[in-house]
């Protein structure tokens, strides 16, 4: 055999030896279906490195203690505690037996278990539950904003207010007094919906005719003080109108001083008028205040002293309101 023939035979023998070694049991290029891979056989990442044609990678056996996302609870029972067949399809472990084309990569949070053909599927132990994170939730009501024009109570804005009142006291009833000074103050709050609750104070003076005898008439002057509480309401004439109507009903207590015959007792109170909204914090109002009392203060004839009668104070007023 010449030198060339000898070299060809040596090359052929070497190729046959390499092919034989590549087909040995436990090789990563073992034919499909042999399932004879030893425990120390190399395992490749089948999801990133496809196997050559006609061969498969040996499957990695399940390892105890491998971490995987914590299973979700289904019907009050953890998935890991349920049989594989009873688990929802989307929650079952994705198993590759080492034969054929490997499945696509698992979805985030989905457990993956690899097993060799014929081996039972063993679910990995779940990872420990993450420690609870303390959270705080607070519901915040957006601050209401004022759009202008009509009174802010129409937009759900509640405000405290103070009103200064000035007017003229007019008396009606039996033995009335002459017209005189009328002053007052309101302190209260107007709520969303434009209803309110006020404390009121009013002061007025008045002089009554006193006729002991036809020859000696004179005037009996004194002062009135009114204290009470009232429920109020406002009604705008429209979103684009600065005008609004206002009114109130309530009651309180009155007392008099500096008269020949003074008196005190309960009273009723009412008010009604028209307002004009200047801004978020200022308004002006004009209207009428009414007080009604059953009183015996200063009768015209001495024979009626101590006898009560209904007396009304009707006061046209102008008011200025500051709110905050």
Protein backbone atom coordinates (compact mmCIF):
# COMPACT_ATOMS: atom_id res chain seq x y z
CA UNK A 1 0.00 0.00 0.00
CA UNK A 2 1.55 3.26 -1.06
CA UNK A 3 1.92 6.33 1.12
CA UNK A 4 -1.14 8.12 -0.35
CA UNK A 5 -3.41 5.19 0.20
CA UNK A 6 -2.18 4.86 3.80
CA UNK A 7 -2.92 8.53 4.50
CA UNK A 8 -6.46 8.23 3.13
CA UNK A 9 -7.16 5.17 5.26
CA UNK A 10 -5.89 7.01 8.39
CA UNK A 11 -8.15 9.98 7.72
CA UNK A 12 -11.14 7.69 7.14
CA UNK A 13 -10.52 5.82 10.39
CA UNK A 14 -10.26 9.11 12.30
CA UNK A 15 -13.61 10.33 10.87
CA UNK A 16 -15.29 7.06 11.76
CA UNK A 17 -13.93 7.33 15.31
CA UNK A 18 -15.21 10.88 15.68
CA UNK A 19 -18.65 9.90 14.44
CA UNK A 20 -18.72 6.94 16.81
CA UNK A 21 -17.80 9.13 19.75
CA UNK A 22 -20.48 11.66 18.82
CA UNK A 23 -23.09 8.91 18.88
CA UNK A 24 -22.10 7.56 22.29
CA UNK A 25 -24.73 7.34 25.01
CA UNK A 26 -24.85 10.50 27.10
CA UNK A 27 -23.66 12.72 24.24
CA UNK A 28 -25.71 15.89 23.65
CA UNK A 29 -26.20 14.66 20.10
CA UNK A 30 -27.82 11.38 21.09
CA UNK A 31 -30.61 10.28 18.72
CA UNK A 32 -34.12 11.22 19.71
CA UNK A 33 -35.91 8.79 21.97
CA UNK A 34 -32.85 6.95 23.39
CA UNK A 35 -33.25 8.56 26.87
CA UNK A 36 -29.91 7.08 28.01
CA UNK A 37 -28.27 10.31 29.19
CA UNK A 38 -26.15 9.79 32.33
CA UNK A 39 -26.60 12.11 35.32
CA UNK A 40 -23.50 14.14 34.47
CA UNK A 41 -24.48 14.74 30.83
CA UNK A 42 -24.15 18.39 29.77
CA UNK A 43 -27.44 20.23 29.52
CA UNK A 44 -27.89 23.15 27.19
CA UNK A 45 -30.36 26.01 27.25
CA UNK A 46 -32.86 24.69 24.78
CA UNK A 47 -34.69 28.01 24.62
CA UNK A 48 -31.68 29.87 23.23
CA UNK A 49 -29.63 27.14 21.50
CA UNK A 50 -31.66 24.94 19.13
CA UNK A 51 -30.55 21.31 18.86
CA UNK A 52 -29.01 20.14 15.61
CA UNK A 53 -31.23 18.30 13.20
CA UNK A 54 -31.94 14.72 14.26
CA UNK A 55 -30.80 15.22 17.86
CA UNK A 56 -32.18 16.48 21.14
CA UNK A 57 -30.67 17.86 24.31
CA UNK A 58 -30.81 15.90 27.50
CA UNK A 59 -33.42 17.32 29.85
CA UNK A 60 -32.39 18.83 33.16
CA UNK A 61 -34.00 16.87 36.01
CA UNK A 62 -36.13 18.73 38.51
CA UNK A 63 -34.09 20.03 41.45
CA UNK A 64 -35.45 20.23 44.95
CA UNK A 65 -35.33 23.69 46.33
CA UNK A 66 -35.35 25.41 42.94
CA UNK A 67 -36.95 28.80 43.18
CA UNK A 68 -39.99 29.75 41.20
CA UNK A 69 -42.67 32.42 41.59
CA UNK A 70 -45.07 31.77 44.45
CA UNK A 71 -48.13 29.87 43.15
CA UNK A 72 -51.43 31.69 43.00
CA UNK A 73 -54.41 30.56 45.06
CA UNK A 74 -57.26 28.97 43.14
CA UNK A 75 -60.49 28.39 45.04
CA UNK A 76 -58.78 29.00 48.35
CA UNK A 77 -56.10 26.26 47.68
CA UNK A 78 -52.54 27.01 46.48
CA UNK A 79 -51.83 25.73 42.98
CA UNK A 80 -48.80 23.76 44.18
CA UNK A 81 -51.10 21.74 46.47
CA UNK A 82 -53.38 20.71 43.60
CA UNK A 83 -52.81 17.87 41.12
CA UNK A 84 -51.25 19.06 37.88
CA UNK A 85 -54.31 17.99 35.89
CA UNK A 86 -56.59 19.98 38.18
CA UNK A 87 -54.63 23.19 37.83
CA UNK A 88 -55.73 25.85 35.31
CA UNK A 89 -54.07 25.44 31.94
CA UNK A 90 -52.30 28.77 32.21
CA UNK A 91 -50.95 27.86 35.67
CA UNK A 92 -49.65 24.33 34.91
CA UNK A 93 -45.86 23.83 34.81
CA UNK A 94 -44.43 23.91 31.29
CA UNK A 95 -42.74 20.50 30.87
CA UNK A 96 -40.23 19.54 28.18
CA UNK A 97 -39.32 15.85 27.97
CA UNK A 98 -36.22 16.37 25.90
CA UNK A 99 -37.75 15.20 22.64
CA UNK A 100 -38.87 17.25 19.72
CA UNK A 101 -38.86 21.02 19.52
CA UNK A 102 -38.59 22.73 22.92
CA UNK A 103 -41.56 24.86 23.99
CA UNK A 104 -41.34 28.63 23.85
CA UNK A 105 -39.87 30.44 26.87
CA UNK A 106 -42.23 30.57 29.87
CA UNK A 107 -44.34 33.60 30.56
CA UNK A 108 -43.23 35.79 33.46
CA UNK A 109 -44.29 34.25 36.74
CA UNK A 110 -45.09 30.81 35.19
CA UNK A 111 -43.24 27.80 36.74
CA UNK A 112 -41.10 25.61 34.46
CA UNK A 113 -40.24 21.99 35.24
CA UNK A 114 -37.93 19.89 33.05
CA UNK A 115 -38.11 16.11 33.11
CA UNK A 116 -36.67 13.24 31.15
CA UNK A 117 -39.04 10.95 29.27
CA UNK A 118 -40.82 8.56 31.62
CA UNK A 119 -39.98 10.53 34.75
CA UNK A 120 -42.80 11.90 36.89
CA UNK A 121 -43.27 15.65 36.90
CA UNK A 122 -42.22 17.10 40.25
CA UNK A 123 -43.25 20.65 41.05
CA UNK A 124 -40.50 22.81 42.46
CA UNK A 125 -40.90 24.23 45.94
CA UNK A 126 -42.36 27.69 45.79
CA UNK A 127 -40.29 30.65 46.70
CA UNK A 128 -40.99 32.22 50.09
CA UNK A 129 -43.78 34.76 50.07
CA UNK A 130 -42.48 38.31 49.87
CA UNK A 131 -42.70 40.32 53.04
CA UNK A 132 -45.84 42.50 53.15
CA UNK A 133 -45.26 46.11 52.31
CA UNK A 134 -47.02 48.62 54.51
CA UNK A 135 -49.02 51.06 52.45
CA UNK A 136 -51.10 54.04 53.38
CA UNK A 137 -54.11 55.16 51.34
CA UNK A 138 -55.66 58.56 51.84
CA UNK A 139 -58.65 59.85 49.95
CA UNK A 140 -58.35 63.53 49.15
CA UNK A 141 -61.28 65.60 48.03
CA UNK A 142 -60.19 68.08 45.40
CA UNK A 143 -60.34 71.64 46.60
CA UNK A 144 -63.34 73.49 45.23
CA UNK A 145 -62.54 76.52 43.16
CA UNK A 146 -64.63 79.62 42.69
CA UNK A 147 -65.58 80.46 39.10
CA UNK A 148 -66.85 83.95 39.90
CA UNK A 149 -70.08 85.85 39.37
CA UNK A 150 -72.77 84.14 41.47
CA UNK A 151 -72.30 83.50 45.22
CA UNK A 152 -69.73 80.76 45.99
CA UNK A 153 -72.24 78.63 47.93
CA UNK A 154 -73.73 77.71 44.53
CA UNK A 155 -70.46 75.91 43.74
CA UNK A 156 -70.42 73.96 46.99
CA UNK A 157 -68.12 76.34 48.85
CA UNK A 158 -69.00 76.80 52.54
CA UNK A 159 -67.91 80.01 54.26
CA UNK A 160 -68.08 81.71 57.62
CA UNK A 161 -69.44 85.22 57.48
CA UNK A 162 -70.04 88.39 59.49
CA UNK A 163 -72.59 91.03 58.52
CA UNK A 164 -72.95 94.59 59.68
CA UNK A 165 -76.56 95.85 59.58
CA UNK A 166 -77.83 99.42 59.62
CA UNK A 167 -81.36 100.67 59.08
CA UNK A 168 -84.37 102.41 60.54
CA UNK A 169 -86.75 100.89 63.11
CA UNK A 170 -90.44 101.37 62.30
CA UNK A 171 -93.03 100.34 64.94
CA UNK A 172 -96.41 98.84 64.21
CA UNK A 173 -99.12 97.66 66.59
CA UNK A 174 -101.02 99.06 69.58
CA UNK A 175 -99.28 102.04 71.23
CA UNK A 176 -96.31 102.07 68.78
CA UNK A 177 -93.11 104.11 69.20
CA UNK A 178 -91.70 106.71 66.85
CA UNK A 179 -89.22 105.64 64.16
CA UNK A 180 -85.65 105.42 65.42
CA UNK A 181 -82.15 103.92 65.01
CA UNK A 182 -81.67 100.26 64.07
CA UNK A 183 -78.26 98.48 64.11
CA UNK A 184 -77.22 94.84 64.08
CA UNK A 185 -74.67 92.10 63.60
CA UNK A 186 -74.87 88.55 62.18
CA UNK A 187 -72.29 85.80 62.76
CA UNK A 188 -72.72 82.44 61.06
CA UNK A 189 -71.91 80.10 58.23
CA UNK A 190 -73.40 79.61 54.77
CA UNK A 191 -73.05 76.00 53.62
CA UNK A 192 -72.95 74.42 50.17
CA UNK A 193 -76.47 74.53 48.84
CA UNK A 194 -76.72 78.14 50.08
CA UNK A 195 -78.46 77.52 53.39
CA UNK A 196 -77.01 78.86 56.59
CA UNK A 197 -77.22 79.20 60.33
CA UNK A 198 -76.69 82.57 62.06
CA UNK A 199 -76.59 84.14 65.46
CA UNK A 200 -78.05 87.62 65.36
CA UNK A 201 -77.97 90.69 67.55
CA UNK A 202 -80.08 93.79 66.93
CA UNK A 203 -80.26 97.10 68.72
CA UNK A 204 -82.89 99.78 68.28
CA UNK A 205 -84.22 102.73 70.17
CA UNK A 206 -87.69 104.22 70.21
CA UNK A 207 -89.80 106.85 71.96
CA UNK A 208 -93.38 106.12 72.98
CA UNK A 209 -96.17 108.63 73.61
CA UNK A 210 -97.16 108.75 77.25
CA UNK A 211 -100.38 110.56 78.19
CA UNK A 212 -101.01 110.51 81.95
CA UNK A 213 -103.55 113.28 81.35
CA UNK A 214 -104.58 115.12 78.22
CA UNK A 215 -102.82 118.20 79.55
CA UNK A 216 -99.46 116.54 80.31
CA UNK A 217 -98.38 114.32 77.39
CA UNK A 218 -94.69 113.47 77.02
CA UNK A 219 -92.30 111.04 75.26
CA UNK A 220 -90.89 107.96 76.97
CA UNK A 221 -87.61 106.91 75.28
CA UNK A 222 -85.50 103.85 75.76
CA UNK A 223 -83.49 101.03 74.13
CA UNK A 224 -84.17 97.53 72.80
CA UNK A 225 -81.74 94.59 72.58
CA UNK A 226 -82.55 91.50 70.54
CA UNK A 227 -80.60 88.20 70.66
CA UNK A 228 -81.43 85.09 68.68
CA UNK A 229 -80.70 82.44 66.08
CA UNK A 230 -82.02 82.06 62.54
CA UNK A 231 -81.90 79.65 59.62
CA UNK A 232 -81.13 81.39 56.34
CA UNK A 233 -81.29 80.67 52.63
CA UNK A 234 -80.05 82.25 49.41
CA UNK A 235 -81.27 81.82 45.84
CA UNK A 236 -79.24 83.02 42.88
CA UNK A 237 -80.93 84.35 39.74
CA UNK A 238 -78.51 82.42 37.52
CA UNK A 239 -74.91 81.40 37.07
CA UNK A 240 -74.14 84.59 35.18
CA UNK A 241 -76.00 86.85 37.62
CA UNK A 242 -74.48 88.54 40.62
CA UNK A 243 -77.92 89.15 42.14
CA UNK A 244 -79.54 86.75 44.55
CA UNK A 245 -82.47 86.69 46.95
CA UNK A 246 -81.99 86.02 50.65
CA UNK A 247 -84.24 85.29 53.60
CA UNK A 248 -84.27 83.89 57.10
CA UNK A 249 -86.54 82.76 59.94
CA UNK A 250 -85.74 82.44 63.60
CA UNK A 251 -86.44 83.60 67.09
CA UNK A 252 -84.81 84.85 70.21
CA UNK A 253 -85.12 87.02 73.27
CA UNK A 254 -85.59 90.76 73.72
CA UNK A 255 -85.06 93.10 76.62
CA UNK A 256 -85.60 96.86 77.08
CA UNK A 257 -83.99 99.52 79.23
CA UNK A 258 -84.51 103.20 80.24
CA UNK A 259 -88.32 103.11 79.87
CA UNK A 260 -90.79 103.94 82.60
CA UNK A 261 -92.09 100.39 82.29
CA UNK A 262 -89.50 97.90 80.88
CA UNK A 263 -90.17 94.40 79.67
CA UNK A 264 -88.37 91.32 78.30
CA UNK A 265 -89.39 88.03 76.73
CA UNK A 266 -89.34 85.84 73.60
CA UNK A 267 -89.66 87.18 70.07
CA UNK A 268 -89.99 85.94 66.51
CA UNK A 269 -87.70 87.14 63.76
CA UNK A 270 -87.81 87.19 59.96
CA UNK A 271 -85.84 88.79 57.15
CA UNK A 272 -86.06 89.08 53.38
CA UNK A 273 -84.18 90.97 50.71
CA UNK A 274 -81.98 91.19 47.63
CA UNK A 275 -78.19 90.76 47.54
CA UNK A 276 -75.37 91.55 45.15
CA UNK A 277 -72.24 89.40 45.01
CA UNK A 278 -69.09 91.56 44.78
CA UNK A 279 -66.47 88.78 44.96
CA UNK A 280 -65.60 85.53 46.68
CA UNK A 281 -65.42 87.31 50.05
CA UNK A 282 -67.72 90.34 49.86
CA UNK A 283 -71.42 90.96 49.29
CA UNK A 284 -73.92 93.77 49.89
CA UNK A 285 -77.59 93.25 50.74
CA UNK A 286 -80.72 95.33 51.12
CA UNK A 287 -84.00 94.23 52.61
CA UNK A 288 -86.15 94.26 55.69
CA UNK A 289 -85.88 92.80 59.23
CA UNK A 290 -89.01 92.10 61.27
CA UNK A 291 -89.35 91.46 65.03
CA UNK A 292 -92.61 90.47 66.69
CA UNK A 293 -93.14 90.65 70.48
CA UNK A 294 -95.92 90.36 73.00
CA UNK A 295 -94.83 93.15 75.35
CA UNK A 296 -96.16 95.54 77.95
CA UNK A 297 -93.41 98.13 77.59
CA UNK A 298 -94.69 101.77 77.91
CA UNK A 299 -98.39 101.94 77.30
CA UNK A 300 -99.89 105.26 76.26
CA UNK A 301 -102.50 105.42 79.02
CA UNK A 302 -101.56 104.59 82.62
CA UNK A 303 -104.68 102.50 82.91
CA UNK A 304 -103.09 99.94 80.50
CA UNK A 305 -99.79 99.68 82.35
CA UNK A 306 -98.76 96.04 82.73
CA UNK A 307 -101.02 94.84 79.95
CA UNK A 308 -99.25 93.29 77.01
CA UNK A 309 -99.99 93.75 73.32
CA UNK A 310 -98.35 92.60 70.10
CA UNK A 311 -95.77 95.10 68.89
CA UNK A 312 -93.87 94.85 65.63
CA UNK A 313 -90.55 96.38 64.64
CA UNK A 314 -90.15 96.58 60.88
CA UNK A 315 -86.69 97.76 59.84
CA UNK A 316 -85.57 98.50 56.27
CA UNK A 317 -81.85 97.67 56.27
CA UNK A 318 -78.64 97.75 54.27
CA UNK A 319 -76.08 95.07 55.08
CA UNK A 320 -72.47 94.39 54.12
CA UNK A 321 -71.13 90.86 54.40
CA UNK A 322 -67.55 89.67 54.66
CA UNK A 323 -66.96 85.91 54.35
CA UNK A 324 -63.99 83.63 54.71
